[in-house]
Amino acid sequence: MSTSAANATRDEAQHPVARLYGAPLAELPEDLYIPPQALRLLLEAFEGPFDLLWFLIRKNRIDLRDIPVAKLTEQYLEYVAAMKALDLDLAAEYLAMAATLIALKARLLLPRAAEATSDEDASEDDPRARLVAQLLRYEQYRQAAEILDRLPRAGRDFTWAHPVEVAEPIEPSPIPAPSLQALARAWWGLLARQEQRRPHEVVEEPLTVAVVTQALLETLRLARRPLTLSELLPPSADRRYLVKAFFALLELTRLGAVDLTQEEPLAPIVVVLSEAADEALVPVVWEKGKG
């Protein structure tokens, strides 16, 4: 394979007219269907006259050192005419580039006064020199833009990690124990509730403080949670039971078996079974007559 053929093959691989499933195509298939709106999308994709001109140069595999101005001008004017036909907003820069190409084409058609003596003189006298310099500079800008586009971009390739603010743990404030006045007030409320009920039948049963103490502890164990006085004491309890329950709770508090808490004044009094209730409890033998 000759050097020129190898260069042409390499140029086709670098700048194909299209790609099909990633494979470069040197020529478009004859039976290729192009939708009617494809030209509109293509024309709207150009960012300016140099972008369109660069597209035509790459499409025709034109060497920048030898630009066929006549052919390039004709194709450029065809695209400009297509823009007008599709009622696209045509920027003044496109028309200015078209005028530049037409003027350049006309200058190339004029006969030169004398043959250039050297390559440098020929390049200086070539009307295409300025356009070539602009295209080379544009190519550098495009390559720089592609390099920048490949860099990771926030919002497209990654997102910024924002530190999560961890709230400081709030230490639970200790719940104060109820005062004697609050305990007495709660007890009088229970007695008043009991007065509103009239039992249908009164059965005399042996009732002692020890029996009531065991009943209260059993209720707390079965509930497995703190109970208010209204929840702890049965609604049907009479005055005699409430009095003995009052003394039983005082004794259980003294032994450390239960804790009495009240979140705020006038709030319900809560009875909490202590974790060391079994260790704190000592069998209490109540004398006859005290029960």
C-alpha atoms as a PDB file:
ATOM      1  CA  MET A   1       0.000   0.000   0.000  1.00  0.00           C
ATOM      2  CA  SER A   2       1.350   3.440  -0.930  1.00  0.00           C
ATOM      3  CA  THR A   3       1.937   6.214   1.591  1.00  0.00           C
ATOM      4  CA  SER A   4      -0.850   8.396   0.179  1.00  0.00           C
ATOM      5  CA  ALA A   5      -3.331   5.508   0.344  1.00  0.00           C
ATOM      6  CA  ALA A   6      -2.316   4.756   3.922  1.00  0.00           C
ATOM      7  CA  ASN A   7      -2.761   8.407   4.878  1.00  0.00           C
ATOM      8  CA  ALA A   8      -6.173   8.467   3.223  1.00  0.00           C
ATOM      9  CA  THR A   9      -7.243   5.335   5.089  1.00  0.00           C
ATOM     10  CA  ARG A  10      -6.048   6.775   8.381  1.00  0.00           C
ATOM     11  CA  ASP A  11      -7.832  10.071   7.704  1.00  0.00           C
ATOM     12  CA  GLU A  12     -11.073   8.204   6.919  1.00  0.00           C
ATOM     13  CA  ALA A  13     -10.809   6.330  10.204  1.00  0.00           C
ATOM     14  CA  GLN A  14     -10.248   9.552  12.139  1.00  0.00           C
ATOM     15  CA  HIS A  15     -12.941  11.593  10.350  1.00  0.00           C
ATOM     16  CA  PRO A  16     -15.623   9.212   9.014  1.00  0.00           C
ATOM     17  CA  VAL A  17     -18.798  10.565   7.436  1.00  0.00           C
ATOM     18  CA  ALA A  18     -20.818   8.534   9.944  1.00  0.00           C
ATOM     19  CA  ARG A  19     -20.617   5.687  12.422  1.00  0.00           C
ATOM     20  CA  LEU A  20     -22.801   2.594  12.489  1.00  0.00           C
ATOM     21  CA  TYR A  21     -22.802   0.797  15.857  1.00  0.00           C
ATOM     22  CA  GLY A  22     -19.423   2.381  16.551  1.00  0.00           C
ATOM     23  CA  ALA A  23     -17.846   1.344  13.227  1.00  0.00           C
ATOM     24  CA  PRO A  24     -16.693   4.238  10.963  1.00  0.00           C
ATOM     25  CA  LEU A  25     -18.256   4.582   7.514  1.00  0.00           C
ATOM     26  CA  ALA A  26     -16.207   6.118   4.703  1.00  0.00           C
ATOM     27  CA  GLU A  27     -19.286   6.522   2.476  1.00  0.00           C
ATOM     28  CA  LEU A  28     -23.005   6.628   3.155  1.00  0.00           C
ATOM     29  CA  PRO A  29     -25.065   3.653   1.871  1.00  0.00           C
ATOM     30  CA  GLU A  30     -27.120   4.346  -1.232  1.00  0.00           C
ATOM     31  CA  ASP A  31     -30.335   3.066   0.381  1.00  0.00           C
ATOM     32  CA  LEU A  32     -29.875   5.200   3.504  1.00  0.00           C
ATOM     33  CA  TYR A  33     -33.136   6.884   4.544  1.00  0.00           C
ATOM     34  CA  ILE A  34     -32.754  10.399   5.958  1.00  0.00           C
ATOM     35  CA  PRO A  35     -35.866  11.745   7.759  1.00  0.00           C
ATOM     36  CA  PRO A  36     -37.218  15.111   6.573  1.00  0.00           C
ATOM     37  CA  GLN A  37     -36.385  16.784   9.886  1.00  0.00           C
ATOM     38  CA  ALA A  38     -32.792  15.515   9.911  1.00  0.00           C
ATOM     39  CA  LEU A  39     -31.518  18.534   7.957  1.00  0.00           C
ATOM     40  CA  ARG A  40     -33.241  20.927  10.348  1.00  0.00           C
ATOM     41  CA  LEU A  41     -31.635  19.217  13.335  1.00  0.00           C
ATOM     42  CA  LEU A  42     -28.242  19.250  11.622  1.00  0.00           C
ATOM     43  CA  LEU A  43     -28.423  22.948  10.751  1.00  0.00           C
ATOM     44  CA  GLU A  44     -29.608  23.910  14.233  1.00  0.00           C
ATOM     45  CA  ALA A  45     -26.658  22.034  15.737  1.00  0.00           C
ATOM     46  CA  PHE A  46     -24.043  24.368  14.229  1.00  0.00           C
ATOM     47  CA  GLU A  47     -22.642  26.892  16.677  1.00  0.00           C
ATOM     48  CA  GLY A  48     -21.568  29.424  14.066  1.00  0.00           C
ATOM     49  CA  PRO A  49     -20.226  29.915  10.538  1.00  0.00           C
ATOM     50  CA  PHE A  50     -16.792  28.462  11.347  1.00  0.00           C
ATOM     51  CA  ASP A  51     -18.475  25.379  12.802  1.00  0.00           C
ATOM     52  CA  LEU A  52     -20.387  24.873   9.557  1.00  0.00           C
ATOM     53  CA  LEU A  53     -17.263  25.523   7.496  1.00  0.00           C
ATOM     54  CA  TRP A  54     -15.254  23.081   9.597  1.00  0.00           C
ATOM     55  CA  PHE A  55     -17.997  20.463   9.144  1.00  0.00           C
ATOM     56  CA  LEU A  56     -17.796  20.800   5.363  1.00  0.00           C
ATOM     57  CA  ILE A  57     -13.992  20.545   5.391  1.00  0.00           C
ATOM     58  CA  ARG A  58     -14.085  17.359   7.465  1.00  0.00           C
ATOM     59  CA  LYS A  59     -16.967  15.935   5.463  1.00  0.00           C
ATOM     60  CA  ASN A  60     -15.044  16.327   2.184  1.00  0.00           C
ATOM     61  CA  ARG A  61     -11.660  15.418   3.777  1.00  0.00           C
ATOM     62  CA  ILE A  62     -10.141  18.663   2.548  1.00  0.00           C
ATOM     63  CA  ASP A  63      -6.500  19.427   3.217  1.00  0.00           C
ATOM     64  CA  LEU A  64      -6.210  22.869   4.810  1.00  0.00           C
ATOM     65  CA  ARG A  65      -3.035  23.542   2.826  1.00  0.00           C
ATOM     66  CA  ASP A  66      -4.963  23.226  -0.443  1.00  0.00           C
ATOM     67  CA  ILE A  67      -8.588  24.279   0.025  1.00  0.00           C
ATOM     68  CA  PRO A  68     -10.811  24.042  -3.088  1.00  0.00           C
ATOM     69  CA  VAL A  69     -12.545  27.349  -2.465  1.00  0.00           C
ATOM     70  CA  ALA A  70     -15.011  27.007  -5.346  1.00  0.00           C
ATOM     71  CA  LYS A  71     -16.352  23.650  -4.187  1.00  0.00           C
ATOM     72  CA  LEU A  72     -16.404  24.709  -0.549  1.00  0.00           C
ATOM     73  CA  THR A  73     -18.239  27.945  -1.371  1.00  0.00           C
ATOM     74  CA  GLU A  74     -20.922  26.113  -3.351  1.00  0.00           C
ATOM     75  CA  GLN A  75     -21.624  23.674  -0.525  1.00  0.00           C
ATOM     76  CA  TYR A  76     -21.624  26.459   2.056  1.00  0.00           C
ATOM     77  CA  LEU A  77     -24.148  28.462   0.038  1.00  0.00           C
ATOM     78  CA  GLU A  78     -26.329  25.345  -0.286  1.00  0.00           C
ATOM     79  CA  TYR A  79     -26.485  25.051   3.499  1.00  0.00           C
ATOM     80  CA  VAL A  80     -27.256  28.770   3.853  1.00  0.00           C
ATOM     81  CA  ALA A  81     -30.063  28.402   1.303  1.00  0.00           C
ATOM     82  CA  ALA A  82     -31.394  25.409   3.247  1.00  0.00           C
ATOM     83  CA  MET A  83     -31.447  27.505   6.404  1.00  0.00           C
ATOM     84  CA  LYS A  84     -33.499  30.162   4.647  1.00  0.00           C
ATOM     85  CA  ALA A  85     -35.878  27.534   3.223  1.00  0.00           C
ATOM     86  CA  LEU A  86     -36.496  26.067   6.688  1.00  0.00           C
ATOM     87  CA  ASP A  87     -37.150  29.541   8.141  1.00  0.00           C
ATOM     88  CA  LEU A  88     -34.294  29.198  10.598  1.00  0.00           C
ATOM     89  CA  ASP A  89     -33.007  32.310  12.314  1.00  0.00           C
ATOM     90  CA  LEU A  90     -29.950  33.054  10.204  1.00  0.00           C
ATOM     91  CA  ALA A  91     -27.279  34.984  12.070  1.00  0.00           C
ATOM     92  CA  ALA A  92     -25.397  37.746  10.292  1.00  0.00           C
ATOM     93  CA  GLU A  93     -22.144  35.824  10.791  1.00  0.00           C
ATOM     94  CA  TYR A  94     -23.312  33.121   8.355  1.00  0.00           C
ATOM     95  CA  LEU A  95     -23.972  35.691   5.653  1.00  0.00           C
ATOM     96  CA  ALA A  96     -20.647  37.409   6.361  1.00  0.00           C
ATOM     97  CA  MET A  97     -18.803  34.100   5.937  1.00  0.00           C
ATOM     98  CA  ALA A  98     -20.694  33.463   2.691  1.00  0.00           C
ATOM     99  CA  ALA A  99     -19.613  36.866   1.396  1.00  0.00           C
ATOM    100  CA  THR A 100     -16.010  36.146   2.414  1.00  0.00           C
ATOM    101  CA  LEU A 101     -16.015  32.840   0.527  1.00  0.00           C
ATOM    102  CA  ILE A 102     -17.507  34.449  -2.572  1.00  0.00           C
ATOM    103  CA  ALA A 103     -14.898  37.220  -2.505  1.00  0.00           C
ATOM    104  CA  LEU A 104     -12.155  34.659  -1.980  1.00  0.00           C
ATOM    105  CA  LYS A 105     -13.427  32.616  -4.908  1.00  0.00           C
ATOM    106  CA  ALA A 106     -13.445  35.707  -7.099  1.00  0.00           C
ATOM    107  CA  ARG A 107      -9.873  36.634  -6.144  1.00  0.00           C
ATOM    108  CA  LEU A 108      -8.651  33.149  -7.002  1.00  0.00           C
ATOM    109  CA  LEU A 109     -10.215  33.448 -10.441  1.00  0.00           C
ATOM    110  CA  LEU A 110      -8.294  36.635 -11.185  1.00  0.00           C
ATOM    111  CA  PRO A 111      -4.996  36.173 -13.065  1.00  0.00           C
ATOM    112  CA  ARG A 112      -1.839  36.781 -11.053  1.00  0.00           C
ATOM    113  CA  ALA A 113       0.604  39.467 -12.122  1.00  0.00           C
ATOM    114  CA  ALA A 114       3.688  37.244 -11.953  1.00  0.00           C
ATOM    115  CA  GLU A 115       4.723  33.828 -10.757  1.00  0.00           C
ATOM    116  CA  ALA A 116       5.903  33.613  -7.150  1.00  0.00           C
ATOM    117  CA  THR A 117       9.648  33.175  -6.785  1.00  0.00           C
ATOM    118  CA  SER A 118       9.490  31.048  -3.639  1.00  0.00           C
ATOM    119  CA  ASP A 119       7.095  29.072  -1.469  1.00  0.00           C
ATOM    120  CA  GLU A 120       7.027  31.853   1.131  1.00  0.00           C
ATOM    121  CA  ASP A 121       6.034  34.413  -1.476  1.00  0.00           C
ATOM    122  CA  ALA A 122       3.413  32.024  -2.780  1.00  0.00           C
ATOM    123  CA  SER A 123       1.906  31.548   0.665  1.00  0.00           C
ATOM    124  CA  GLU A 124       1.853  35.298   1.263  1.00  0.00           C
ATOM    125  CA  ASP A 125       0.137  35.960  -2.067  1.00  0.00           C
ATOM    126  CA  ASP A 126      -2.380  33.140  -1.570  1.00  0.00           C
ATOM    127  CA  PRO A 127      -5.791  34.710  -0.782  1.00  0.00           C
ATOM    128  CA  ARG A 128      -6.643  31.592   1.233  1.00  0.00           C
ATOM    129  CA  ALA A 129      -3.838  32.149   3.764  1.00  0.00           C
ATOM    130  CA  ARG A 130      -5.910  34.226   6.171  1.00  0.00           C
ATOM    131  CA  LEU A 131      -8.817  31.769   6.055  1.00  0.00           C
ATOM    132  CA  VAL A 132      -6.451  28.837   6.645  1.00  0.00           C
ATOM    133  CA  ALA A 133      -4.933  30.599   9.662  1.00  0.00           C
ATOM    134  CA  GLN A 134      -8.407  31.182  11.111  1.00  0.00           C
ATOM    135  CA  LEU A 135      -9.387  27.552  10.539  1.00  0.00           C
ATOM    136  CA  LEU A 136      -6.196  26.281  12.190  1.00  0.00           C
ATOM    137  CA  ARG A 137      -6.872  28.493  15.201  1.00  0.00           C
ATOM    138  CA  TYR A 138     -10.469  27.259  15.285  1.00  0.00           C
ATOM    139  CA  GLU A 139      -9.214  23.662  15.221  1.00  0.00           C
ATOM    140  CA  GLN A 140      -7.052  24.375  18.277  1.00  0.00           C
ATOM    141  CA  TYR A 141     -10.046  25.808  20.108  1.00  0.00           C
ATOM    142  CA  ARG A 142     -12.148  22.768  19.248  1.00  0.00           C
ATOM    143  CA  GLN A 143      -9.474  20.365  20.481  1.00  0.00           C
ATOM    144  CA  ALA A 144      -9.125  22.348  23.712  1.00  0.00           C
ATOM    145  CA  ALA A 145     -12.918  22.297  24.151  1.00  0.00           C
ATOM    146  CA  GLU A 146     -13.000  18.516  23.655  1.00  0.00           C
ATOM    147  CA  ILE A 147     -10.256  18.067  26.259  1.00  0.00           C
ATOM    148  CA  LEU A 148     -12.161  20.227  28.728  1.00  0.00           C
ATOM    149  CA  ASP A 149     -15.393  18.364  27.971  1.00  0.00           C
ATOM    150  CA  ARG A 150     -13.746  15.043  28.831  1.00  0.00           C
ATOM    151  CA  LEU A 151     -12.819  16.321  32.285  1.00  0.00           C
ATOM    152  CA  PRO A 152     -15.154  15.314  35.125  1.00  0.00           C
ATOM    153  CA  ARG A 153     -17.960  17.821  35.423  1.00  0.00           C
ATOM    154  CA  ALA A 154     -20.016  18.474  38.529  1.00  0.00           C
ATOM    155  CA  GLY A 155     -23.649  17.552  37.960  1.00  0.00           C
ATOM    156  CA  ARG A 156     -22.831  15.393  34.922  1.00  0.00           C
ATOM    157  CA  ASP A 157     -20.125  12.987  36.080  1.00  0.00           C
ATOM    158  CA  PHE A 158     -20.208  13.466  39.836  1.00  0.00           C
ATOM    159  CA  THR A 159     -21.926  15.361  42.602  1.00  0.00           C
ATOM    160  CA  TRP A 160     -20.371  17.235  45.467  1.00  0.00           C
ATOM    161  CA  ALA A 161     -20.546  15.464  48.790  1.00  0.00           C
ATOM    162  CA  HIS A 162     -21.983  17.707  51.467  1.00  0.00           C
ATOM    163  CA  PRO A 163     -21.019  16.888  55.056  1.00  0.00           C
ATOM    164  CA  VAL A 164     -23.906  15.659  57.132  1.00  0.00           C
ATOM    165  CA  GLU A 165     -24.410  17.660  60.246  1.00  0.00           C
ATOM    166  CA  VAL A 166     -24.826  15.314  63.174  1.00  0.00           C
ATOM    167  CA  ALA A 167     -26.961  16.769  65.888  1.00  0.00           C
ATOM    168  CA  GLU A 168     -25.503  16.609  69.343  1.00  0.00           C
ATOM    169  CA  PRO A 169     -27.273  14.074  71.528  1.00  0.00           C
ATOM    170  CA  ILE A 170     -29.700  15.673  73.926  1.00  0.00           C
ATOM    171  CA  GLU A 171     -29.221  14.490  77.447  1.00  0.00           C
ATOM    172  CA  PRO A 172     -32.586  13.580  78.966  1.00  0.00           C
ATOM    173  CA  SER A 173     -33.410  15.869  81.820  1.00  0.00           C
ATOM    174  CA  PRO A 174     -34.156  14.079  85.079  1.00  0.00           C
ATOM    175  CA  ILE A 175     -37.837  13.886  85.929  1.00  0.00           C
ATOM    176  CA  PRO A 176     -38.414  15.340  89.389  1.00  0.00           C
ATOM    177  CA  ALA A 177     -40.187  13.309  92.037  1.00  0.00           C
ATOM    178  CA  PRO A 178     -43.640  14.545  93.059  1.00  0.00           C
ATOM    179  CA  SER A 179     -44.032  16.449  96.280  1.00  0.00           C
ATOM    180  CA  LEU A 180     -46.119  15.220  99.196  1.00  0.00           C
ATOM    181  CA  GLN A 181     -48.755  17.822  98.356  1.00  0.00           C
ATOM    182  CA  ALA A 182     -49.009  16.473  94.795  1.00  0.00           C
ATOM    183  CA  LEU A 183     -49.253  12.909  96.072  1.00  0.00           C
ATOM    184  CA  ALA A 184     -51.969  13.859  98.537  1.00  0.00           C
ATOM    185  CA  ARG A 185     -53.851  15.779  95.838  1.00  0.00           C
ATOM    186  CA  ALA A 186     -53.760  12.754  93.521  1.00  0.00           C
ATOM    187  CA  TRP A 187     -54.975  10.518  96.316  1.00  0.00           C
ATOM    188  CA  TRP A 188     -57.899  12.768  97.115  1.00  0.00           C
ATOM    189  CA  GLY A 189     -58.787  12.681  93.429  1.00  0.00           C
ATOM    190  CA  LEU A 190     -58.920   8.875  93.522  1.00  0.00           C
ATOM    191  CA  LEU A 191     -61.077   8.979  96.625  1.00  0.00           C
ATOM    192  CA  ALA A 192     -63.434  11.412  94.947  1.00  0.00           C
ATOM    193  CA  ARG A 193     -63.673   9.103  91.947  1.00  0.00           C
ATOM    194  CA  GLN A 194     -64.523   6.213  94.239  1.00  0.00           C
ATOM    195  CA  GLU A 195     -67.267   8.210  95.932  1.00  0.00           C
ATOM    196  CA  GLN A 196     -69.038   8.589  92.589  1.00  0.00           C
ATOM    197  CA  ARG A 197     -69.464   4.813  92.278  1.00  0.00           C
ATOM    198  CA  ARG A 198     -71.997   2.814  94.234  1.00  0.00           C
ATOM    199  CA  PRO A 199     -71.022  -0.842  94.503  1.00  0.00           C
ATOM    200  CA  HIS A 200     -73.834  -3.284  93.922  1.00  0.00           C
ATOM    201  CA  GLU A 201     -72.500  -5.754  96.448  1.00  0.00           C
ATOM    202  CA  VAL A 202     -70.070  -5.415  99.311  1.00  0.00           C
ATOM    203  CA  VAL A 203     -68.150  -8.533 100.269  1.00  0.00           C
ATOM    204  CA  GLU A 204     -66.019  -8.463 103.376  1.00  0.00           C
ATOM    205  CA  GLU A 205     -62.582  -9.879 102.564  1.00  0.00           C
ATOM    206  CA  PRO A 206     -59.442  -9.944 104.666  1.00  0.00           C
ATOM    207  CA  LEU A 207     -57.378  -7.059 103.271  1.00  0.00           C
ATOM    208  CA  THR A 208     -53.931  -6.160 104.527  1.00  0.00           C
ATOM    209  CA  VAL A 209     -51.209  -3.795 103.345  1.00  0.00           C
ATOM    210  CA  ALA A 210     -49.069  -6.818 102.410  1.00  0.00           C
ATOM    211  CA  VAL A 211     -51.826  -8.159 100.145  1.00  0.00           C
ATOM    212  CA  VAL A 212     -52.250  -4.779  98.453  1.00  0.00           C
ATOM    213  CA  THR A 213     -48.458  -4.485  98.062  1.00  0.00           C
ATOM    214  CA  GLN A 214     -48.272  -7.805  96.226  1.00  0.00           C
ATOM    215  CA  ALA A 215     -51.213  -6.807  94.033  1.00  0.00           C
ATOM    216  CA  LEU A 216     -49.562  -3.521  93.043  1.00  0.00           C
ATOM    217  CA  LEU A 217     -46.257  -5.227  92.238  1.00  0.00           C
ATOM    218  CA  GLU A 218     -48.015  -7.883  90.180  1.00  0.00           C
ATOM    219  CA  THR A 219     -49.882  -5.221  88.194  1.00  0.00           C
ATOM    220  CA  LEU A 220     -46.633  -3.347  87.432  1.00  0.00           C
ATOM    221  CA  ARG A 221     -44.853  -6.538  86.365  1.00  0.00           C
ATOM    222  CA  LEU A 222     -47.666  -7.560  84.027  1.00  0.00           C
ATOM    223  CA  ALA A 223     -47.903  -4.079  82.474  1.00  0.00           C
ATOM    224  CA  ARG A 224     -44.127  -3.938  81.750  1.00  0.00           C
ATOM    225  CA  ARG A 225     -44.308  -0.156  81.643  1.00  0.00           C
ATOM    226  CA  PRO A 226     -44.807   2.766  84.006  1.00  0.00           C
ATOM    227  CA  LEU A 227     -48.405   3.275  85.133  1.00  0.00           C
ATOM    228  CA  THR A 228     -50.235   6.295  86.430  1.00  0.00           C
ATOM    229  CA  LEU A 229     -52.068   5.989  89.715  1.00  0.00           C
ATOM    230  CA  SER A 230     -55.366   5.813  87.845  1.00  0.00           C
ATOM    231  CA  GLU A 231     -54.055   2.897  85.772  1.00  0.00           C
ATOM    232  CA  LEU A 232     -52.431   1.113  88.700  1.00  0.00           C
ATOM    233  CA  LEU A 233     -55.396   1.125  91.047  1.00  0.00           C
ATOM    234  CA  PRO A 234     -58.561  -0.719  90.009  1.00  0.00           C
ATOM    235  CA  PRO A 235     -61.556   1.562  89.325  1.00  0.00           C
ATOM    236  CA  SER A 236     -63.682  -0.507  91.690  1.00  0.00           C
ATOM    237  CA  ALA A 237     -61.327   0.025  94.650  1.00  0.00           C
ATOM    238  CA  ASP A 238     -63.079   1.321  97.740  1.00  0.00           C
ATOM    239  CA  ARG A 239     -61.814   3.796 100.301  1.00  0.00           C
ATOM    240  CA  ARG A 240     -60.354   1.038 102.503  1.00  0.00           C
ATOM    241  CA  TYR A 241     -58.329  -0.374  99.568  1.00  0.00           C
ATOM    242  CA  LEU A 242     -57.095   3.076  98.517  1.00  0.00           C
ATOM    243  CA  VAL A 243     -55.848   3.880 102.016  1.00  0.00           C
ATOM    244  CA  LYS A 244     -53.908   0.624 102.230  1.00  0.00           C
ATOM    245  CA  ALA A 245     -52.549   1.154  98.682  1.00  0.00           C
ATOM    246  CA  PHE A 246     -51.321   4.603  99.750  1.00  0.00           C
ATOM    247  CA  PHE A 247     -49.288   3.125 102.606  1.00  0.00           C
ATOM    248  CA  ALA A 248     -48.100   0.270 100.357  1.00  0.00           C
ATOM    249  CA  LEU A 249     -46.716   2.694  97.758  1.00  0.00           C
ATOM    250  CA  LEU A 250     -44.965   4.754 100.419  1.00  0.00           C
ATOM    251  CA  GLU A 251     -43.292   1.608 101.769  1.00  0.00           C
ATOM    252  CA  LEU A 252     -42.318   0.404  98.277  1.00  0.00           C
ATOM    253  CA  THR A 253     -40.798   3.822  97.560  1.00  0.00           C
ATOM    254  CA  ARG A 254     -38.824   3.718 100.788  1.00  0.00           C
ATOM    255  CA  LEU A 255     -37.472   0.254  99.934  1.00  0.00           C
ATOM    256  CA  GLY A 256     -36.486   1.393  96.387  1.00  0.00           C
ATOM    257  CA  ALA A 257     -38.821  -1.062  94.693  1.00  0.00           C
ATOM    258  CA  VAL A 258     -40.718   1.667  92.838  1.00  0.00           C
ATOM    259  CA  ASP A 259     -40.127   5.295  91.855  1.00  0.00           C
ATOM    260  CA  LEU A 260     -42.770   8.002  91.763  1.00  0.00           C
ATOM    261  CA  THR A 261     -42.320  10.650  89.039  1.00  0.00           C
ATOM    262  CA  GLN A 262     -44.225  13.709  87.866  1.00  0.00           C
ATOM    263  CA  GLU A 263     -43.222  15.620  84.716  1.00  0.00           C
ATOM    264  CA  GLU A 264     -44.680  18.928  85.872  1.00  0.00           C
ATOM    265  CA  PRO A 265     -46.955  20.297  88.570  1.00  0.00           C
ATOM    266  CA  LEU A 266     -50.545  19.031  88.374  1.00  0.00           C
ATOM    267  CA  ALA A 267     -49.463  16.321  85.919  1.00  0.00           C
ATOM    268  CA  PRO A 268     -50.430  12.683  86.620  1.00  0.00           C
ATOM    269  CA  ILE A 269     -48.160  10.843  89.053  1.00  0.00           C
ATOM    270  CA  VAL A 270     -46.439   7.891  87.402  1.00  0.00           C
ATOM    271  CA  VAL A 271     -45.328   4.737  89.223  1.00  0.00           C
ATOM    272  CA  VAL A 272     -42.178   3.127  87.773  1.00  0.00           C
ATOM    273  CA  LEU A 273     -41.058  -0.355  88.781  1.00  0.00           C
ATOM    274  CA  SER A 274     -37.373  -0.247  89.739  1.00  0.00           C
ATOM    275  CA  GLU A 275     -34.902  -2.562  88.013  1.00  0.00           C
ATOM    276  CA  ALA A 276     -33.684  -3.664  91.428  1.00  0.00           C
ATOM    277  CA  ALA A 277     -37.179  -4.236  92.756  1.00  0.00           C
ATOM    278  CA  ASP A 278     -36.609  -7.908  93.562  1.00  0.00           C
ATOM    279  CA  GLU A 279     -33.378  -7.110  95.423  1.00  0.00           C
ATOM    280  CA  ALA A 280     -34.889  -4.204  97.311  1.00  0.00           C
ATOM    281  CA  LEU A 281     -37.947  -6.107  98.448  1.00  0.00           C
ATOM    282  CA  VAL A 282     -37.635  -7.763 101.803  1.00  0.00           C
ATOM    283  CA  PRO A 283     -40.504  -9.870 103.095  1.00  0.00           C
ATOM    284  CA  VAL A 284     -42.477  -7.548 105.323  1.00  0.00           C
ATOM    285  CA  VAL A 285     -44.394  -9.130 108.159  1.00  0.00           C
ATOM    286  CA  TRP A 286     -47.221  -6.916 109.167  1.00  0.00           C
ATOM    287  CA  GLU A 287     -48.485  -7.301 112.691  1.00  0.00           C
ATOM    288  CA  LYS A 288     -52.056  -8.208 113.232  1.00  0.00           C
ATOM    289  CA  GLY A 289     -54.139  -5.198 113.637  1.00  0.00           C
ATOM    290  CA  LYS A 290     -51.905  -3.012 111.400  1.00  0.00           C
ATOM    291  CA  GLY A 291     -53.238  -4.536 108.219  1.00  0.00           C
END
